[in-house]
PDB file of all heavy atoms in Angstrom:
ATOM      1  N   VAL A   1      63.101 115.331  82.854  1.00  0.00           N
ATOM      2  CA  VAL A   1      63.132 113.961  83.437  1.00  0.00           C
ATOM      3  C   VAL A   1      62.285 114.036  84.689  1.00  0.00           C
ATOM      4  O   VAL A   1      62.237 114.980  85.452  1.00  0.00           O
ATOM      5  CB  VAL A   1      64.613 113.594  83.772  1.00  0.00           C
ATOM      6  CG1 VAL A   1      64.652 112.299  84.458  1.00  0.00           C
ATOM      7  CG2 VAL A   1      65.449 113.555  82.522  1.00  0.00           C
ATOM      8  N   VAL A   2      61.611 112.933  85.001  1.00  0.00           N
ATOM      9  CA  VAL A   2      60.830 112.719  86.245  1.00  0.00           C
ATOM     10  C   VAL A   2      61.708 111.923  87.103  1.00  0.00           C
ATOM     11  O   VAL A   2      62.182 110.771  86.796  1.00  0.00           O
ATOM     12  CB  VAL A   2      59.523 112.040  86.007  1.00  0.00           C
ATOM     13  CG1 VAL A   2      58.751 111.967  87.348  1.00  0.00           C
ATOM     14  CG2 VAL A   2      58.637 112.904  85.042  1.00  0.00           C
ATOM     15  N   VAL A   3      62.070 112.428  88.303  1.00  0.00           N
ATOM     16  CA  VAL A   3      62.948 111.870  89.327  1.00  0.00           C
ATOM     17  C   VAL A   3      62.196 111.581  90.580  1.00  0.00           C
ATOM     18  O   VAL A   3      61.478 112.457  91.037  1.00  0.00           O
ATOM     19  CB  VAL A   3      64.180 112.832  89.568  1.00  0.00           C
ATOM     20  CG1 VAL A   3      65.090 112.177  90.544  1.00  0.00           C
ATOM     21  CG2 VAL A   3      64.935 113.181  88.290  1.00  0.00           C
ATOM     22  N   GLY A   4      62.407 110.396  91.110  1.00  0.00           N
ATOM     23  CA  GLY A   4      61.706 110.003  92.341  1.00  0.00           C
ATOM     24  C   GLY A   4      62.701 109.910  93.559  1.00  0.00           C
ATOM     25  O   GLY A   4      63.762 109.690  93.466  1.00  0.00           O
ATOM     26  N   TYR A   5      62.090 110.205  94.778  1.00  0.00           N
ATOM     27  CA  TYR A   5      62.755 110.103  95.958  1.00  0.00           C
ATOM     28  C   TYR A   5      61.875 109.374  96.990  1.00  0.00           C
ATOM     29  O   TYR A   5      60.718 109.728  97.219  1.00  0.00           O
ATOM     30  CB  TYR A   5      63.146 111.547  96.580  1.00  0.00           C
ATOM     31  CG  TYR A   5      63.785 111.399  97.967  1.00  0.00           C
ATOM     32  CD1 TYR A   5      65.089 110.850  98.102  1.00  0.00           C
ATOM     33  CD2 TYR A   5      63.035 111.814  99.041  1.00  0.00           C
ATOM     34  CE1 TYR A   5      65.674 110.783  99.351  1.00  0.00           C
ATOM     35  CE2 TYR A   5      63.646 111.683 100.317  1.00  0.00           C
ATOM     36  CZ  TYR A   5      64.923 111.283 100.500  1.00  0.00           C
ATOM     37  OH  TYR A   5      65.440 111.078 101.713  1.00  0.00           O
ATOM     38  N   ALA A   6      62.420 108.217  97.488  1.00  0.00           N
ATOM     39  CA  ALA A   6      61.656 107.447  98.423  1.00  0.00           C
ATOM     40  C   ALA A   6      62.483 107.324  99.782  1.00  0.00           C
ATOM     41  O   ALA A   6      63.699 107.219  99.705  1.00  0.00           O
ATOM     42  CB  ALA A   6      61.424 106.081  97.960  1.00  0.00           C
ATOM     43  N   ARG A   7      61.820 107.469 100.870  1.00  0.00           N
ATOM     44  CA  ARG A   7      62.520 107.397 102.158  1.00  0.00           C
ATOM     45  C   ARG A   7      61.592 106.768 103.222  1.00  0.00           C
ATOM     46  O   ARG A   7      60.364 106.970 103.326  1.00  0.00           O
ATOM     47  CB  ARG A   7      62.880 108.778 102.652  1.00  0.00           C
ATOM     48  CG  ARG A   7      63.650 108.652 104.008  1.00  0.00           C
ATOM     49  CD  ARG A   7      63.855 110.156 104.611  1.00  0.00           C
ATOM     50  NE  ARG A   7      62.675 110.826 104.844  1.00  0.00           N
ATOM     51  CZ  ARG A   7      61.965 110.563 106.050  1.00  0.00           C
ATOM     52  NH1 ARG A   7      62.338 109.835 106.861  1.00  0.00           N
ATOM     53  NH2 ARG A   7      60.848 111.354 106.195  1.00  0.00           N
ATOM     54  N   THR A   8      62.303 105.809 104.051  1.00  0.00           N
ATOM     55  CA  THR A   8      61.601 105.444 105.201  1.00  0.00           C
ATOM     56  C   THR A   8      62.568 105.748 106.499  1.00  0.00           C
ATOM     57  O   THR A   8      63.717 106.010 106.235  1.00  0.00           O
ATOM     58  CB  THR A   8      61.281 103.884 105.295  1.00  0.00           C
ATOM     59  OG1 THR A   8      62.574 103.193 105.072  1.00  0.00           O
ATOM     60  CG2 THR A   8      60.357 103.539 104.180  1.00  0.00           C
ATOM     61  N   SER A   9      61.954 105.889 107.570  1.00  0.00           N
ATOM     62  CA  SER A   9      62.704 106.265 108.727  1.00  0.00           C
ATOM     63  C   SER A   9      63.594 105.203 109.350  1.00  0.00           C
ATOM     64  O   SER A   9      64.694 105.495 109.890  1.00  0.00           O
ATOM     65  CB  SER A   9      61.739 106.667 109.871  1.00  0.00           C
ATOM     66  OG  SER A   9      60.971 107.787 109.407  1.00  0.00           O
ATOM     67  N   THR A  10      63.227 103.945 109.121  1.00  0.00           N
ATOM     68  CA  THR A  10      64.140 102.948 109.692  1.00  0.00           C
ATOM     69  C   THR A  10      64.262 101.784 108.585  1.00  0.00           C
ATOM     70  O   THR A  10      63.510 101.627 107.687  1.00  0.00           O
ATOM     71  CB  THR A  10      63.479 102.236 110.974  1.00  0.00           C
ATOM     72  OG1 THR A  10      62.309 101.510 110.554  1.00  0.00           O
ATOM     73  CG2 THR A  10      63.241 103.263 112.007  1.00  0.00           C
ATOM     74  N   ALA A  11      65.340 101.071 108.822  1.00  0.00           N
ATOM     75  CA  ALA A  11      65.575  99.877 107.856  1.00  0.00           C
ATOM     76  C   ALA A  11      64.570  98.743 107.966  1.00  0.00           C
ATOM     77  O   ALA A  11      64.358  97.932 107.052  1.00  0.00           O
ATOM     78  CB  ALA A  11      66.998  99.272 108.196  1.00  0.00           C
ATOM     79  N   ASP A  12      63.792  98.724 109.141  1.00  0.00           N
ATOM     80  CA  ASP A  12      62.740  97.748 109.312  1.00  0.00           C
ATOM     81  C   ASP A  12      61.475  97.979 108.414  1.00  0.00           C
ATOM     82  O   ASP A  12      60.588  97.168 108.188  1.00  0.00           O
ATOM     83  CB  ASP A  12      62.288  97.715 110.751  1.00  0.00           C
ATOM     84  CG  ASP A  12      63.375  97.269 111.669  1.00  0.00           C
ATOM     85  OD1 ASP A  12      64.266  96.625 111.326  1.00  0.00           O
ATOM     86  OD2 ASP A  12      63.288  97.606 112.787  1.00  0.00           O
ATOM     87  N   GLN A  13      61.494  99.187 107.825  1.00  0.00           N
ATOM     88  CA  GLN A  13      60.249  99.547 106.987  1.00  0.00           C
ATOM     89  C   GLN A  13      60.377  99.166 105.536  1.00  0.00           C
ATOM     90  O   GLN A  13      60.157  99.910 104.644  1.00  0.00           O
ATOM     91  CB  GLN A  13      59.865 101.007 107.178  1.00  0.00           C
ATOM     92  CG  GLN A  13      59.581 101.359 108.588  1.00  0.00           C
ATOM     93  CD  GLN A  13      59.431 102.822 108.829  1.00  0.00           C
ATOM     94  OE1 GLN A  13      60.264 103.580 108.362  1.00  0.00           O
ATOM     95  NE2 GLN A  13      58.349 103.236 109.427  1.00  0.00           N
ATOM     96  N   VAL A  14      60.744  97.848 105.280  1.00  0.00           N
ATOM     97  CA  VAL A  14      61.104  97.513 103.923  1.00  0.00           C
ATOM     98  C   VAL A  14      59.807  97.618 103.046  1.00  0.00           C
ATOM     99  O   VAL A  14      59.895  98.069 101.892  1.00  0.00           O
ATOM    100  CB  VAL A  14      61.622  96.033 103.875  1.00  0.00           C
ATOM    101  CG1 VAL A  14      61.752  95.591 102.389  1.00  0.00           C
ATOM    102  CG2 VAL A  14      62.986  96.094 104.604  1.00  0.00           C
ATOM    103  N   ALA A  15      58.717  97.082 103.514  1.00  0.00           N
ATOM    104  CA  ALA A  15      57.500  97.170 102.670  1.00  0.00           C
ATOM    105  C   ALA A  15      56.979  98.592 102.423  1.00  0.00           C
ATOM    106  O   ALA A  15      56.568  98.821 101.256  1.00  0.00           O
ATOM    107  CB  ALA A  15      56.293  96.478 103.597  1.00  0.00           C
ATOM    108  N   GLY A  16      57.235  99.519 103.279  1.00  0.00           N
ATOM    109  CA  GLY A  16      56.955 100.908 103.011  1.00  0.00           C
ATOM    110  C   GLY A  16      57.837 101.508 101.840  1.00  0.00           C
ATOM    111  O   GLY A  16      57.238 102.203 100.954  1.00  0.00           O
ATOM    112  N   LEU A  17      59.078 101.067 102.003  1.00  0.00           N
ATOM    113  CA  LEU A  17      60.006 101.541 100.913  1.00  0.00           C
ATOM    114  C   LEU A  17      59.584 100.965  99.532  1.00  0.00           C
ATOM    115  O   LEU A  17      59.600 101.659  98.562  1.00  0.00           O
ATOM    116  CB  LEU A  17      61.442 101.240 101.208  1.00  0.00           C
ATOM    117  CG  LEU A  17      62.529 101.807 100.270  1.00  0.00           C
ATOM    118  CD1 LEU A  17      62.493 103.415 100.447  1.00  0.00           C
ATOM    119  CD2 LEU A  17      63.830 101.333 100.809  1.00  0.00           C
ATOM    120  N   GLU A  18      59.239  99.560  99.553  1.00  0.00           N
ATOM    121  CA  GLU A  18      58.875  99.073  98.313  1.00  0.00           C
ATOM    122  C   GLU A  18      57.617  99.689  97.721  1.00  0.00           C
ATOM    123  O   GLU A  18      57.502  99.788  96.503  1.00  0.00           O
ATOM    124  CB  GLU A  18      58.740  97.502  98.513  1.00  0.00           C
ATOM    125  CG  GLU A  18      60.080  96.854  98.890  1.00  0.00           C
ATOM    126  CD  GLU A  18      59.896  95.376  99.207  1.00  0.00           C
ATOM    127  OE1 GLU A  18      58.754  95.016  99.588  1.00  0.00           O
ATOM    128  OE2 GLU A  18      60.982  94.666  99.223  1.00  0.00           O
ATOM    129  N   ALA A  19      56.748 100.023  98.629  1.00  0.00           N
ATOM    130  CA  ALA A  19      55.420 100.621  98.193  1.00  0.00           C
ATOM    131  C   ALA A  19      55.696 101.921  97.507  1.00  0.00           C
ATOM    132  O   ALA A  19      55.112 102.269  96.430  1.00  0.00           O
ATOM    133  CB  ALA A  19      54.522 100.731  99.291  1.00  0.00           C
ATOM    134  N   GLN A  20      56.565 102.707  98.119  1.00  0.00           N
ATOM    135  CA  GLN A  20      56.936 104.070  97.496  1.00  0.00           C
ATOM    136  C   GLN A  20      57.594 103.777  96.088  1.00  0.00           C
ATOM    137  O   GLN A  20      57.276 104.550  95.167  1.00  0.00           O
ATOM    138  CB  GLN A  20      57.851 104.719  98.400  1.00  0.00           C
ATOM    139  CG  GLN A  20      57.327 105.219  99.712  1.00  0.00           C
ATOM    140  CD  GLN A  20      58.197 106.072 100.558  1.00  0.00           C
ATOM    141  OE1 GLN A  20      58.891 106.999 100.143  1.00  0.00           O
ATOM    142  NE2 GLN A  20      58.422 105.512 101.808  1.00  0.00           N
ATOM    143  N   GLN A  21      58.385 102.876  96.015  1.00  0.00           N
ATOM    144  CA  GLN A  21      59.150 102.579  94.788  1.00  0.00           C
ATOM    145  C   GLN A  21      58.085 102.304  93.643  1.00  0.00           C
ATOM    146  O   GLN A  21      58.216 102.751  92.591  1.00  0.00           O
ATOM    147  CB  GLN A  21      60.173 101.393  94.873  1.00  0.00           C
ATOM    148  CG  GLN A  21      61.338 101.765  95.779  1.00  0.00           C
ATOM    149  CD  GLN A  21      62.138 100.476  95.989  1.00  0.00           C
ATOM    150  OE1 GLN A  21      61.650  99.398  96.263  1.00  0.00           O
ATOM    151  NE2 GLN A  21      63.462 100.601  96.039  1.00  0.00           N
ATOM    152  N   ARG A  22      57.106 101.397  93.896  1.00  0.00           N
ATOM    153  CA  ARG A  22      56.104 101.016  93.026  1.00  0.00           C
ATOM    154  C   ARG A  22      55.316 102.342  92.687  1.00  0.00           C
ATOM    155  O   ARG A  22      55.038 102.444  91.382  1.00  0.00           O
ATOM    156  CB  ARG A  22      55.149 100.039  93.564  1.00  0.00           C
ATOM    157  CG  ARG A  22      55.703  98.584  93.674  1.00  0.00           C
ATOM    158  CD  ARG A  22      54.635  97.566  94.065  1.00  0.00           C
ATOM    159  NE  ARG A  22      54.020  97.779  95.302  1.00  0.00           N
ATOM    160  CZ  ARG A  22      54.513  97.364  96.486  1.00  0.00           C
ATOM    161  NH1 ARG A  22      55.574  96.586  96.461  1.00  0.00           N
ATOM    162  NH2 ARG A  22      53.800  97.595  97.595  1.00  0.00           N
ATOM    163  N   GLU A  23      54.965 103.186  93.594  1.00  0.00           N
ATOM    164  CA  GLU A  23      54.178 104.412  93.212  1.00  0.00           C
ATOM    165  C   GLU A  23      55.003 105.294  92.339  1.00  0.00           C
ATOM    166  O   GLU A  23      54.523 105.918  91.422  1.00  0.00           O
ATOM    167  CB  GLU A  23      53.809 105.113  94.561  1.00  0.00           C
ATOM    168  CG  GLU A  23      52.694 104.330  95.248  1.00  0.00           C
ATOM    169  CD  GLU A  23      52.196 105.197  96.453  1.00  0.00           C
ATOM    170  OE1 GLU A  23      52.009 106.392  96.249  1.00  0.00           O
ATOM    171  OE2 GLU A  23      52.127 104.566  97.497  1.00  0.00           O
ATOM    172  N   LEU A  24      56.341 105.458  92.651  1.00  0.00           N
ATOM    173  CA  LEU A  24      57.244 106.198  91.830  1.00  0.00           C
ATOM    174  C   LEU A  24      57.339 105.670  90.549  1.00  0.00           C
ATOM    175  O   LEU A  24      57.426 106.589  89.447  1.00  0.00           O
ATOM    176  CB  LEU A  24      58.542 106.528  92.530  1.00  0.00           C
ATOM    177  CG  LEU A  24      58.462 107.296  93.884  1.00  0.00           C
ATOM    178  CD1 LEU A  24      59.819 107.187  94.595  1.00  0.00           C
ATOM    179  CD2 LEU A  24      58.048 108.673  93.654  1.00  0.00           C
ATOM    180  N   GLU A  25      57.500 104.393  90.292  1.00  0.00           N
ATOM    181  CA  GLU A  25      57.510 103.809  89.018  1.00  0.00           C
ATOM    182  C   GLU A  25      56.381 104.129  88.162  1.00  0.00           C
ATOM    183  O   GLU A  25      56.378 104.412  87.012  1.00  0.00           O
ATOM    184  CB  GLU A  25      57.842 102.319  89.153  1.00  0.00           C
ATOM    185  CG  GLU A  25      59.265 102.027  89.647  1.00  0.00           C
ATOM    186  CD  GLU A  25      59.579 100.490  89.916  1.00  0.00           C
ATOM    187  OE1 GLU A  25      58.510  99.666  89.812  1.00  0.00           O
ATOM    188  OE2 GLU A  25      60.556 100.173  90.353  1.00  0.00           O
ATOM    189  N   LYS A  26      55.204 103.941  88.888  1.00  0.00           N
ATOM    190  CA  LYS A  26      53.894 104.174  88.150  1.00  0.00           C
ATOM    191  C   LYS A  26      53.726 105.643  87.683  1.00  0.00           C
ATOM    192  O   LYS A  26      53.083 106.021  86.778  1.00  0.00           O
ATOM    193  CB  LYS A  26      52.667 103.893  89.086  1.00  0.00           C
ATOM    194  CG  LYS A  26      52.452 102.345  89.221  1.00  0.00           C
ATOM    195  CD  LYS A  26      51.328 102.125  90.158  1.00  0.00           C
ATOM    196  CE  LYS A  26      51.113 100.742  90.428  1.00  0.00           C
ATOM    197  NZ  LYS A  26      49.985 100.405  91.355  1.00  0.00           N
ATOM    198  N   ALA A  27      54.410 106.472  88.521  1.00  0.00           N
ATOM    199  CA  ALA A  27      54.401 107.977  88.171  1.00  0.00           C
ATOM    200  C   ALA A  27      55.337 108.399  86.949  1.00  0.00           C
ATOM    201  O   ALA A  27      55.428 109.324  86.573  1.00  0.00           O
ATOM    202  CB  ALA A  27      54.747 108.857  89.440  1.00  0.00           C
ATOM    203  N   GLY A  28      56.101 107.301  86.538  1.00  0.00           N
ATOM    204  CA  GLY A  28      56.988 107.499  85.387  1.00  0.00           C
ATOM    205  C   GLY A  28      58.320 107.908  85.714  1.00  0.00           C
ATOM    206  O   GLY A  28      59.043 108.526  84.832  1.00  0.00           O
ATOM    207  N   CYS A  29      58.802 107.760  86.982  1.00  0.00           N
ATOM    208  CA  CYS A  29      60.115 108.239  87.337  1.00  0.00           C
ATOM    209  C   CYS A  29      61.209 107.407  86.543  1.00  0.00           C
ATOM    210  O   CYS A  29      61.195 106.204  86.562  1.00  0.00           O
ATOM    211  CB  CYS A  29      60.406 108.054  88.875  1.00  0.00           C
ATOM    212  SG  CYS A  29      59.353 109.114  89.775  1.00  0.00           S
ATOM    213  N   ALA A  30      62.072 108.225  85.853  1.00  0.00           N
ATOM    214  CA  ALA A  30      63.158 107.507  85.162  1.00  0.00           C
ATOM    215  C   ALA A  30      64.327 107.188  86.127  1.00  0.00           C
ATOM    216  O   ALA A  30      65.093 106.309  85.755  1.00  0.00           O
ATOM    217  CB  ALA A  30      63.708 108.523  84.100  1.00  0.00           C
ATOM    218  N   ARG A  31      64.368 107.849  87.229  1.00  0.00           N
ATOM    219  CA  ARG A  31      65.478 107.585  88.157  1.00  0.00           C
ATOM    220  C   ARG A  31      64.899 107.702  89.601  1.00  0.00           C
ATOM    221  O   ARG A  31      64.104 108.624  89.808  1.00  0.00           O
ATOM    222  CB  ARG A  31      66.640 108.552  87.967  1.00  0.00           C
ATOM    223  CG  ARG A  31      67.670 108.472  89.067  1.00  0.00           C
ATOM    224  CD  ARG A  31      68.825 107.585  88.469  1.00  0.00           C
ATOM    225  NE  ARG A  31      69.821 107.384  89.543  1.00  0.00           N
ATOM    226  CZ  ARG A  31      71.085 108.044  89.655  1.00  0.00           C
ATOM    227  NH1 ARG A  31      71.469 108.812  88.587  1.00  0.00           N
ATOM    228  NH2 ARG A  31      71.884 107.793  90.557  1.00  0.00           N
TER     229      ARG A  31
END
């Protein structure tokens, strides 16, 4: 299984977290 982990340092960095999620989805992360 390909598993992804995304993290931003603060709650204000929503765009950064969303960008990481998109990249991880493109990488085929199942979770």
